[in-house]
Amino acid sequence: MKTVIISEFKAKCIAILKEAQRTREPVVVTRRGKPVARIEPIIEDAPSRQLGAYRGRMRIAGDIVKTGTEEDWEMLT
């Protein structure tokens, strides 16, 4: 667990927070050698995309290559 003094935390707050998020390691902030706060990153696992995840749940109706707009254009000309 990384430890930083409060004045360093104040000066480098954003960088310390980004590092905690990247390394997933808590940071203890101290004042006069005593801990006053612990910064812990929130770890959220991004949902993974899987090929074929919707197999059996969806159905393609009609032709997905031809959109039907060709007829509309022919009528306008």
PDB file of N, CA and C in Angstrom:
ATOM      1  N   MET A   1       0.855  -1.169   0.000  1.00  0.00           N
ATOM      2  CA  MET A   1       0.000   0.000   0.000  1.00  0.00           C
ATOM      3  C   MET A   1       0.904   1.235   0.000  1.00  0.00           C
ATOM      4  N   LYS A   2       0.649   2.135  -0.951  1.00  0.00           N
ATOM      5  CA  LYS A   2       1.443   3.356  -1.072  1.00  0.00           C
ATOM      6  C   LYS A   2       1.000   4.376  -0.026  1.00  0.00           C
ATOM      7  N   THR A   3       1.980   5.139   0.496  1.00  0.00           N
ATOM      8  CA  THR A   3       1.703   6.185   1.484  1.00  0.00           C
ATOM      9  C   THR A   3       2.246   7.511   0.963  1.00  0.00           C
ATOM     10  N   VAL A   4       1.454   8.579   1.076  1.00  0.00           N
ATOM     11  CA  VAL A   4       1.895   9.918   0.693  1.00  0.00           C
ATOM     12  C   VAL A   4       1.529  10.898   1.796  1.00  0.00           C
ATOM     13  N   ILE A   5       2.375  11.928   1.953  1.00  0.00           N
ATOM     14  CA  ILE A   5       2.048  12.948   2.945  1.00  0.00           C
ATOM     15  C   ILE A   5       1.001  13.885   2.343  1.00  0.00           C
ATOM     16  N   ILE A   6       0.263  14.533   3.205  1.00  0.00           N
ATOM     17  CA  ILE A   6      -0.892  15.316   2.787  1.00  0.00           C
ATOM     18  C   ILE A   6      -0.519  16.449   1.822  1.00  0.00           C
ATOM     19  N   SER A   7       0.650  17.074   2.026  1.00  0.00           N
ATOM     20  CA  SER A   7       1.060  18.162   1.132  1.00  0.00           C
ATOM     21  C   SER A   7       1.359  17.634  -0.269  1.00  0.00           C
ATOM     22  N   GLU A   8       1.937  16.431  -0.372  1.00  0.00           N
ATOM     23  CA  GLU A   8       2.182  15.825  -1.683  1.00  0.00           C
ATOM     24  C   GLU A   8       0.862  15.444  -2.349  1.00  0.00           C
ATOM     25  N   PHE A   9      -0.071  14.920  -1.549  1.00  0.00           N
ATOM     26  CA  PHE A   9      -1.377  14.575  -2.099  1.00  0.00           C
ATOM     27  C   PHE A   9      -2.084  15.807  -2.653  1.00  0.00           C
ATOM     28  N   LYS A  10      -1.996  16.914  -1.916  1.00  0.00           N
ATOM     29  CA  LYS A  10      -2.626  18.148  -2.357  1.00  0.00           C
ATOM     30  C   LYS A  10      -2.012  18.633  -3.671  1.00  0.00           C
ATOM     31  N   ALA A  11      -0.702  18.535  -3.800  1.00  0.00           N
ATOM     32  CA  ALA A  11      -0.011  19.016  -4.994  1.00  0.00           C
ATOM     33  C   ALA A  11      -0.220  18.103  -6.202  1.00  0.00           C
ATOM     34  N   LYS A  12      -0.361  16.798  -5.962  1.00  0.00           N
ATOM     35  CA  LYS A  12      -0.410  15.827  -7.066  1.00  0.00           C
ATOM     36  C   LYS A  12      -1.678  14.977  -7.032  1.00  0.00           C
ATOM     37  N   CYS A  13      -2.764  15.543  -6.580  1.00  0.00           N
ATOM     38  CA  CYS A  13      -4.003  14.795  -6.351  1.00  0.00           C
ATOM     39  C   CYS A  13      -4.446  13.985  -7.569  1.00  0.00           C
ATOM     40  N   ILE A  14      -4.581  14.631  -8.716  1.00  0.00           N
ATOM     41  CA  ILE A  14      -5.097  13.941  -9.903  1.00  0.00           C
ATOM     42  C   ILE A  14      -4.173  12.817 -10.331  1.00  0.00           C
ATOM     43  N   ALA A  15      -2.872  13.064 -10.325  1.00  0.00           N
ATOM     44  CA  ALA A  15      -1.913  12.026 -10.719  1.00  0.00           C
ATOM     45  C   ALA A  15      -1.964  10.842  -9.768  1.00  0.00           C
ATOM     46  N   ILE A  16      -2.094  11.103  -8.476  1.00  0.00           N
ATOM     47  CA  ILE A  16      -2.168  10.020  -7.488  1.00  0.00           C
ATOM     48  C   ILE A  16      -3.444   9.213  -7.665  1.00  0.00           C
ATOM     49  N   LEU A  17      -4.562   9.889  -7.938  1.00  0.00           N
ATOM     50  CA  LEU A  17      -5.826   9.177  -8.170  1.00  0.00           C
ATOM     51  C   LEU A  17      -5.756   8.321  -9.428  1.00  0.00           C
ATOM     52  N   LYS A  18      -5.166   8.849 -10.489  1.00  0.00           N
ATOM     53  CA  LYS A  18      -5.029   8.074 -11.731  1.00  0.00           C
ATOM     54  C   LYS A  18      -4.146   6.852 -11.521  1.00  0.00           C
ATOM     55  N   GLU A  19      -3.068   7.019 -10.757  1.00  0.00           N
ATOM     56  CA  GLU A  19      -2.181   5.891 -10.488  1.00  0.00           C
ATOM     57  C   GLU A  19      -2.888   4.821  -9.657  1.00  0.00           C
ATOM     58  N   ALA A  20      -3.676   5.253  -8.674  1.00  0.00           N
ATOM     59  CA  ALA A  20      -4.429   4.291  -7.855  1.00  0.00           C
ATOM     60  C   ALA A  20      -5.419   3.515  -8.715  1.00  0.00           C
ATOM     61  N   GLN A  21      -6.045   4.202  -9.661  1.00  0.00           N
ATOM     62  CA  GLN A  21      -6.985   3.529 -10.549  1.00  0.00           C
ATOM     63  C   GLN A  21      -6.253   2.553 -11.470  1.00  0.00           C
ATOM     64  N   ARG A  22      -5.100   2.983 -11.993  1.00  0.00           N
ATOM     65  CA  ARG A  22      -4.335   2.143 -12.927  1.00  0.00           C
ATOM     66  C   ARG A  22      -3.777   0.909 -12.233  1.00  0.00           C
ATOM     67  N   THR A  23      -3.195   1.093 -11.042  1.00  0.00           N
ATOM     68  CA  THR A  23      -2.557  -0.028 -10.342  1.00  0.00           C
ATOM     69  C   THR A  23      -3.535  -0.808  -9.469  1.00  0.00           C
ATOM     70  N   ARG A  24      -4.724  -0.231  -9.247  1.00  0.00           N
ATOM     71  CA  ARG A  24      -5.741  -0.849  -8.376  1.00  0.00           C
ATOM     72  C   ARG A  24      -5.217  -1.072  -6.960  1.00  0.00           C
ATOM     73  N   GLU A  25      -4.382  -0.134  -6.512  1.00  0.00           N
ATOM     74  CA  GLU A  25      -3.781  -0.226  -5.180  1.00  0.00           C
ATOM     75  C   GLU A  25      -4.186   0.985  -4.345  1.00  0.00           C
ATOM     76  N   PRO A  26      -4.606   0.769  -3.099  1.00  0.00           N
ATOM     77  CA  PRO A  26      -4.997   1.883  -2.240  1.00  0.00           C
ATOM     78  C   PRO A  26      -3.813   2.790  -1.894  1.00  0.00           C
ATOM     79  N   VAL A  27      -4.123   4.031  -1.567  1.00  0.00           N
ATOM     80  CA  VAL A  27      -3.120   5.014  -1.159  1.00  0.00           C
ATOM     81  C   VAL A  27      -3.543   5.574   0.198  1.00  0.00           C
ATOM     82  N   VAL A  28      -2.599   5.608   1.150  1.00  0.00           N
ATOM     83  CA  VAL A  28      -2.863   6.171   2.467  1.00  0.00           C
ATOM     84  C   VAL A  28      -2.258   7.570   2.507  1.00  0.00           C
ATOM     85  N   VAL A  29      -3.074   8.538   2.913  1.00  0.00           N
ATOM     86  CA  VAL A  29      -2.625   9.920   3.060  1.00  0.00           C
ATOM     87  C   VAL A  29      -2.341  10.156   4.537  1.00  0.00           C
ATOM     88  N   THR A  30      -1.131  10.684   4.812  1.00  0.00           N
ATOM     89  CA  THR A  30      -0.739  10.893   6.211  1.00  0.00           C
ATOM     90  C   THR A  30      -0.513  12.373   6.515  1.00  0.00           C
ATOM     91  N   ARG A  31      -0.675  12.689   7.783  1.00  0.00           N
ATOM     92  CA  ARG A  31      -0.393  14.040   8.272  1.00  0.00           C
ATOM     93  C   ARG A  31       0.395  13.892   9.570  1.00  0.00           C
ATOM     94  N   ARG A  32       1.600  14.429   9.529  1.00  0.00           N
ATOM     95  CA  ARG A  32       2.522  14.305  10.666  1.00  0.00           C
ATOM     96  C   ARG A  32       2.752  12.841  11.049  1.00  0.00           C
ATOM     97  N   GLY A  33       2.830  12.009  10.023  1.00  0.00           N
ATOM     98  CA  GLY A  33       3.124  10.588  10.227  1.00  0.00           C
ATOM     99  C   GLY A  33       1.945   9.719  10.600  1.00  0.00           C
ATOM    100  N   LYS A  34       0.776  10.302  10.746  1.00  0.00           N
ATOM    101  CA  LYS A  34      -0.411   9.520  11.108  1.00  0.00           C
ATOM    102  C   LYS A  34      -1.379   9.477   9.937  1.00  0.00           C
ATOM    103  N   PRO A  35      -1.955   8.322   9.666  1.00  0.00           N
ATOM    104  CA  PRO A  35      -2.904   8.218   8.547  1.00  0.00           C
ATOM    105  C   PRO A  35      -4.171   9.017   8.803  1.00  0.00           C
ATOM    106  N   VAL A  36      -4.600   9.767   7.786  1.00  0.00           N
ATOM    107  CA  VAL A  36      -5.843  10.538   7.900  1.00  0.00           C
ATOM    108  C   VAL A  36      -6.886  10.101   6.875  1.00  0.00           C
ATOM    109  N   ALA A  37      -6.442   9.467   5.811  1.00  0.00           N
ATOM    110  CA  ALA A  37      -7.393   9.015   4.780  1.00  0.00           C
ATOM    111  C   ALA A  37      -6.783   7.871   3.983  1.00  0.00           C
ATOM    112  N   ARG A  38      -7.676   7.058   3.441  1.00  0.00           N
ATOM    113  CA  ARG A  38      -7.240   5.991   2.536  1.00  0.00           C
ATOM    114  C   ARG A  38      -8.032   6.144   1.253  1.00  0.00           C
ATOM    115  N   ILE A  39      -7.323   6.228   0.152  1.00  0.00           N
ATOM    116  CA  ILE A  39      -7.934   6.352  -1.173  1.00  0.00           C
ATOM    117  C   ILE A  39      -7.935   4.966  -1.800  1.00  0.00           C
ATOM    118  N   GLU A  40      -9.126   4.470  -2.143  1.00  0.00           N
ATOM    119  CA  GLU A  40      -9.235   3.160  -2.773  1.00  0.00           C
ATOM    120  C   GLU A  40      -9.921   3.300  -4.121  1.00  0.00           C
ATOM    121  N   PRO A  41      -9.350   2.717  -5.157  1.00  0.00           N
ATOM    122  CA  PRO A  41      -9.984   2.810  -6.468  1.00  0.00           C
ATOM    123  C   PRO A  41     -11.250   1.959  -6.528  1.00  0.00           C
ATOM    124  N   ILE A  42     -12.222   2.444  -7.275  1.00  0.00           N
ATOM    125  CA  ILE A  42     -13.433   1.664  -7.523  1.00  0.00           C
ATOM    126  C   ILE A  42     -13.137   0.782  -8.721  1.00  0.00           C
ATOM    127  N   ILE A  43     -13.248  -0.492  -8.518  1.00  0.00           N
ATOM    128  CA  ILE A  43     -12.914  -1.439  -9.578  1.00  0.00           C
ATOM    129  C   ILE A  43     -14.200  -1.956 -10.195  1.00  0.00           C
ATOM    130  N   GLU A  44     -14.401  -1.565 -11.437  1.00  0.00           N
ATOM    131  CA  GLU A  44     -15.565  -2.031 -12.186  1.00  0.00           C
ATOM    132  C   GLU A  44     -15.068  -2.785 -13.402  1.00  0.00           C
ATOM    133  N   ASP A  45     -15.493  -3.993 -13.526  1.00  0.00           N
ATOM    134  CA  ASP A  45     -15.121  -4.763 -14.703  1.00  0.00           C
ATOM    135  C   ASP A  45     -16.070  -4.427 -15.833  1.00  0.00           C
ATOM    136  N   ALA A  46     -15.492  -4.026 -16.937  1.00  0.00           N
ATOM    137  CA  ALA A  46     -16.300  -3.704 -18.106  1.00  0.00           C
ATOM    138  C   ALA A  46     -16.927  -4.984 -18.647  1.00  0.00           C
ATOM    139  N   PRO A  47     -18.181  -4.926 -19.046  1.00  0.00           N
ATOM    140  CA  PRO A  47     -18.790  -6.121 -19.616  1.00  0.00           C
ATOM    141  C   PRO A  47     -18.071  -6.509 -20.898  1.00  0.00           C
ATOM    142  N   SER A  48     -17.759  -7.767 -21.011  1.00  0.00           N
ATOM    143  CA  SER A  48     -17.043  -8.214 -22.202  1.00  0.00           C
ATOM    144  C   SER A  48     -18.024  -8.492 -23.332  1.00  0.00           C
ATOM    145  N   ARG A  49     -17.618  -8.129 -24.509  1.00  0.00           N
ATOM    146  CA  ARG A  49     -18.438  -8.406 -25.689  1.00  0.00           C
ATOM    147  C   ARG A  49     -18.066  -9.786 -26.205  1.00  0.00           C
ATOM    148  N   GLN A  50     -19.061 -10.556 -26.502  1.00  0.00           N
ATOM    149  CA  GLN A  50     -18.813 -11.892 -27.012  1.00  0.00           C
ATOM    150  C   GLN A  50     -19.540 -12.067 -28.321  1.00  0.00           C
ATOM    151  N   LEU A  51     -18.805 -12.589 -29.287  1.00  0.00           N
ATOM    152  CA  LEU A  51     -19.396 -12.858 -30.584  1.00  0.00           C
ATOM    153  C   LEU A  51     -20.479 -13.919 -30.424  1.00  0.00           C
ATOM    154  N   GLY A  52     -21.643 -13.634 -30.943  1.00  0.00           N
ATOM    155  CA  GLY A  52     -22.751 -14.578 -30.854  1.00  0.00           C
ATOM    156  C   GLY A  52     -23.537 -14.485 -29.564  1.00  0.00           C
ATOM    157  N   ALA A  53     -23.364 -13.411 -28.819  1.00  0.00           N
ATOM    158  CA  ALA A  53     -24.057 -13.273 -27.536  1.00  0.00           C
ATOM    159  C   ALA A  53     -25.577 -13.233 -27.701  1.00  0.00           C
ATOM    160  N   TYR A  54     -26.052 -12.744 -28.844  1.00  0.00           N
ATOM    161  CA  TYR A  54     -27.494 -12.634 -29.072  1.00  0.00           C
ATOM    162  C   TYR A  54     -28.039 -13.777 -29.933  1.00  0.00           C
ATOM    163  N   ARG A  55     -27.263 -14.802 -30.134  1.00  0.00           N
ATOM    164  CA  ARG A  55     -27.708 -15.933 -30.941  1.00  0.00           C
ATOM    165  C   ARG A  55     -28.950 -16.550 -30.306  1.00  0.00           C
ATOM    166  N   GLY A  56     -29.977 -16.728 -31.116  1.00  0.00           N
ATOM    167  CA  GLY A  56     -31.222 -17.298 -30.633  1.00  0.00           C
ATOM    168  C   GLY A  56     -32.158 -16.278 -30.009  1.00  0.00           C
ATOM    169  N   ARG A  57     -31.704 -15.052 -29.832  1.00  0.00           N
ATOM    170  CA  ARG A  57     -32.533 -14.012 -29.240  1.00  0.00           C
ATOM    171  C   ARG A  57     -33.052 -13.026 -30.278  1.00  0.00           C
ATOM    172  N   MET A  58     -32.433 -13.006 -31.443  1.00  0.00           N
ATOM    173  CA  MET A  58     -32.819 -12.051 -32.476  1.00  0.00           C
ATOM    174  C   MET A  58     -33.066 -12.789 -33.786  1.00  0.00           C
ATOM    175  N   ARG A  59     -33.869 -12.171 -34.622  1.00  0.00           N
ATOM    176  CA  ARG A  59     -34.146 -12.750 -35.924  1.00  0.00           C
ATOM    177  C   ARG A  59     -34.089 -11.628 -36.950  1.00  0.00           C
ATOM    178  N   ILE A  60     -33.382 -11.883 -38.052  1.00  0.00           N
ATOM    179  CA  ILE A  60     -33.301 -10.899 -39.126  1.00  0.00           C
ATOM    180  C   ILE A  60     -34.501 -11.119 -40.032  1.00  0.00           C
ATOM    181  N   ALA A  61     -35.288 -10.081 -40.195  1.00  0.00           N
ATOM    182  CA  ALA A  61     -36.476 -10.166 -41.038  1.00  0.00           C
ATOM    183  C   ALA A  61     -36.222  -9.367 -42.315  1.00  0.00           C
ATOM    184  N   GLY A  62     -36.292 -10.019 -43.432  1.00  0.00           N
ATOM    185  CA  GLY A  62     -36.096  -9.319 -44.696  1.00  0.00           C
ATOM    186  C   GLY A  62     -34.642  -9.293 -45.119  1.00  0.00           C
ATOM    187  N   ASP A  63     -34.385  -8.512 -46.155  1.00  0.00           N
ATOM    188  CA  ASP A  63     -33.059  -8.416 -46.738  1.00  0.00           C
ATOM    189  C   ASP A  63     -32.294  -7.285 -46.042  1.00  0.00           C
ATOM    190  N   ILE A  64     -31.153  -7.598 -45.449  1.00  0.00           N
ATOM    191  CA  ILE A  64     -30.407  -6.560 -44.753  1.00  0.00           C
ATOM    192  C   ILE A  64     -29.451  -5.811 -45.682  1.00  0.00           C
ATOM    193  N   VAL A  65     -29.277  -6.296 -46.906  1.00  0.00           N
ATOM    194  CA  VAL A  65     -28.405  -5.621 -47.856  1.00  0.00           C
ATOM    195  C   VAL A  65     -29.180  -4.567 -48.624  1.00  0.00           C
ATOM    196  N   LYS A  66     -30.342  -4.925 -49.113  1.00  0.00           N
ATOM    197  CA  LYS A  66     -31.188  -3.975 -49.826  1.00  0.00           C
ATOM    198  C   LYS A  66     -32.161  -3.364 -48.830  1.00  0.00           C
ATOM    199  N   THR A  67     -32.183  -2.050 -48.764  1.00  0.00           N
ATOM    200  CA  THR A  67     -32.996  -1.392 -47.749  1.00  0.00           C
ATOM    201  C   THR A  67     -34.383  -1.017 -48.230  1.00  0.00           C
ATOM    202  N   GLY A  68     -34.628  -1.170 -49.504  1.00  0.00           N
ATOM    203  CA  GLY A  68     -35.933  -0.804 -50.017  1.00  0.00           C
ATOM    204  C   GLY A  68     -35.983   0.627 -50.514  1.00  0.00           C
ATOM    205  N   THR A  69     -34.901   1.357 -50.380  1.00  0.00           N
ATOM    206  CA  THR A  69     -34.898   2.751 -50.821  1.00  0.00           C
ATOM    207  C   THR A  69     -34.724   2.872 -52.330  1.00  0.00           C
ATOM    208  N   GLU A  70     -34.282   1.798 -52.992  1.00  0.00           N
ATOM    209  CA  GLU A  70     -34.122   1.862 -54.444  1.00  0.00           C
ATOM    210  C   GLU A  70     -35.455   2.177 -55.126  1.00  0.00           C
ATOM    211  N   GLU A  71     -36.518   1.573 -54.648  1.00  0.00           N
ATOM    212  CA  GLU A  71     -37.829   1.827 -55.224  1.00  0.00           C
ATOM    213  C   GLU A  71     -38.248   3.275 -54.996  1.00  0.00           C
ATOM    214  N   ASP A  72     -37.941   3.812 -53.837  1.00  0.00           N
ATOM    215  CA  ASP A  72     -38.298   5.201 -53.541  1.00  0.00           C
ATOM    216  C   ASP A  72     -37.584   6.154 -54.485  1.00  0.00           C
ATOM    217  N   TRP A  73     -36.334   5.892 -54.781  1.00  0.00           N
ATOM    218  CA  TRP A  73     -35.592   6.748 -55.678  1.00  0.00           C
ATOM    219  C   TRP A  73     -36.126   6.641 -57.097  1.00  0.00           C
ATOM    220  N   GLU A  74     -36.516   5.453 -57.501  1.00  0.00           N
ATOM    221  CA  GLU A  74     -37.042   5.283 -58.851  1.00  0.00           C
ATOM    222  C   GLU A  74     -38.352   6.054 -59.016  1.00  0.00           C
ATOM    223  N   MET A  75     -39.142   6.124 -57.983  1.00  0.00           N
ATOM    224  CA  MET A  75     -40.419   6.847 -58.067  1.00  0.00           C
ATOM    225  C   MET A  75     -40.203   8.342 -58.178  1.00  0.00           C
ATOM    226  N   LEU A  76     -39.148   8.845 -57.570  1.00  0.00           N
ATOM    227  CA  LEU A  76     -38.904  10.288 -57.593  1.00  0.00           C
ATOM    228  C   LEU A  76     -38.328  10.757 -58.925  1.00  0.00           C
ATOM    229  N   THR A  77     -37.719   9.892 -59.699  1.00  0.00           N
ATOM    230  CA  THR A  77     -37.090  10.349 -60.945  1.00  0.00           C
ATOM    231  C   THR A  77     -38.025  10.324 -62.105  1.00  0.00           C
TER     232      THR A  77
END
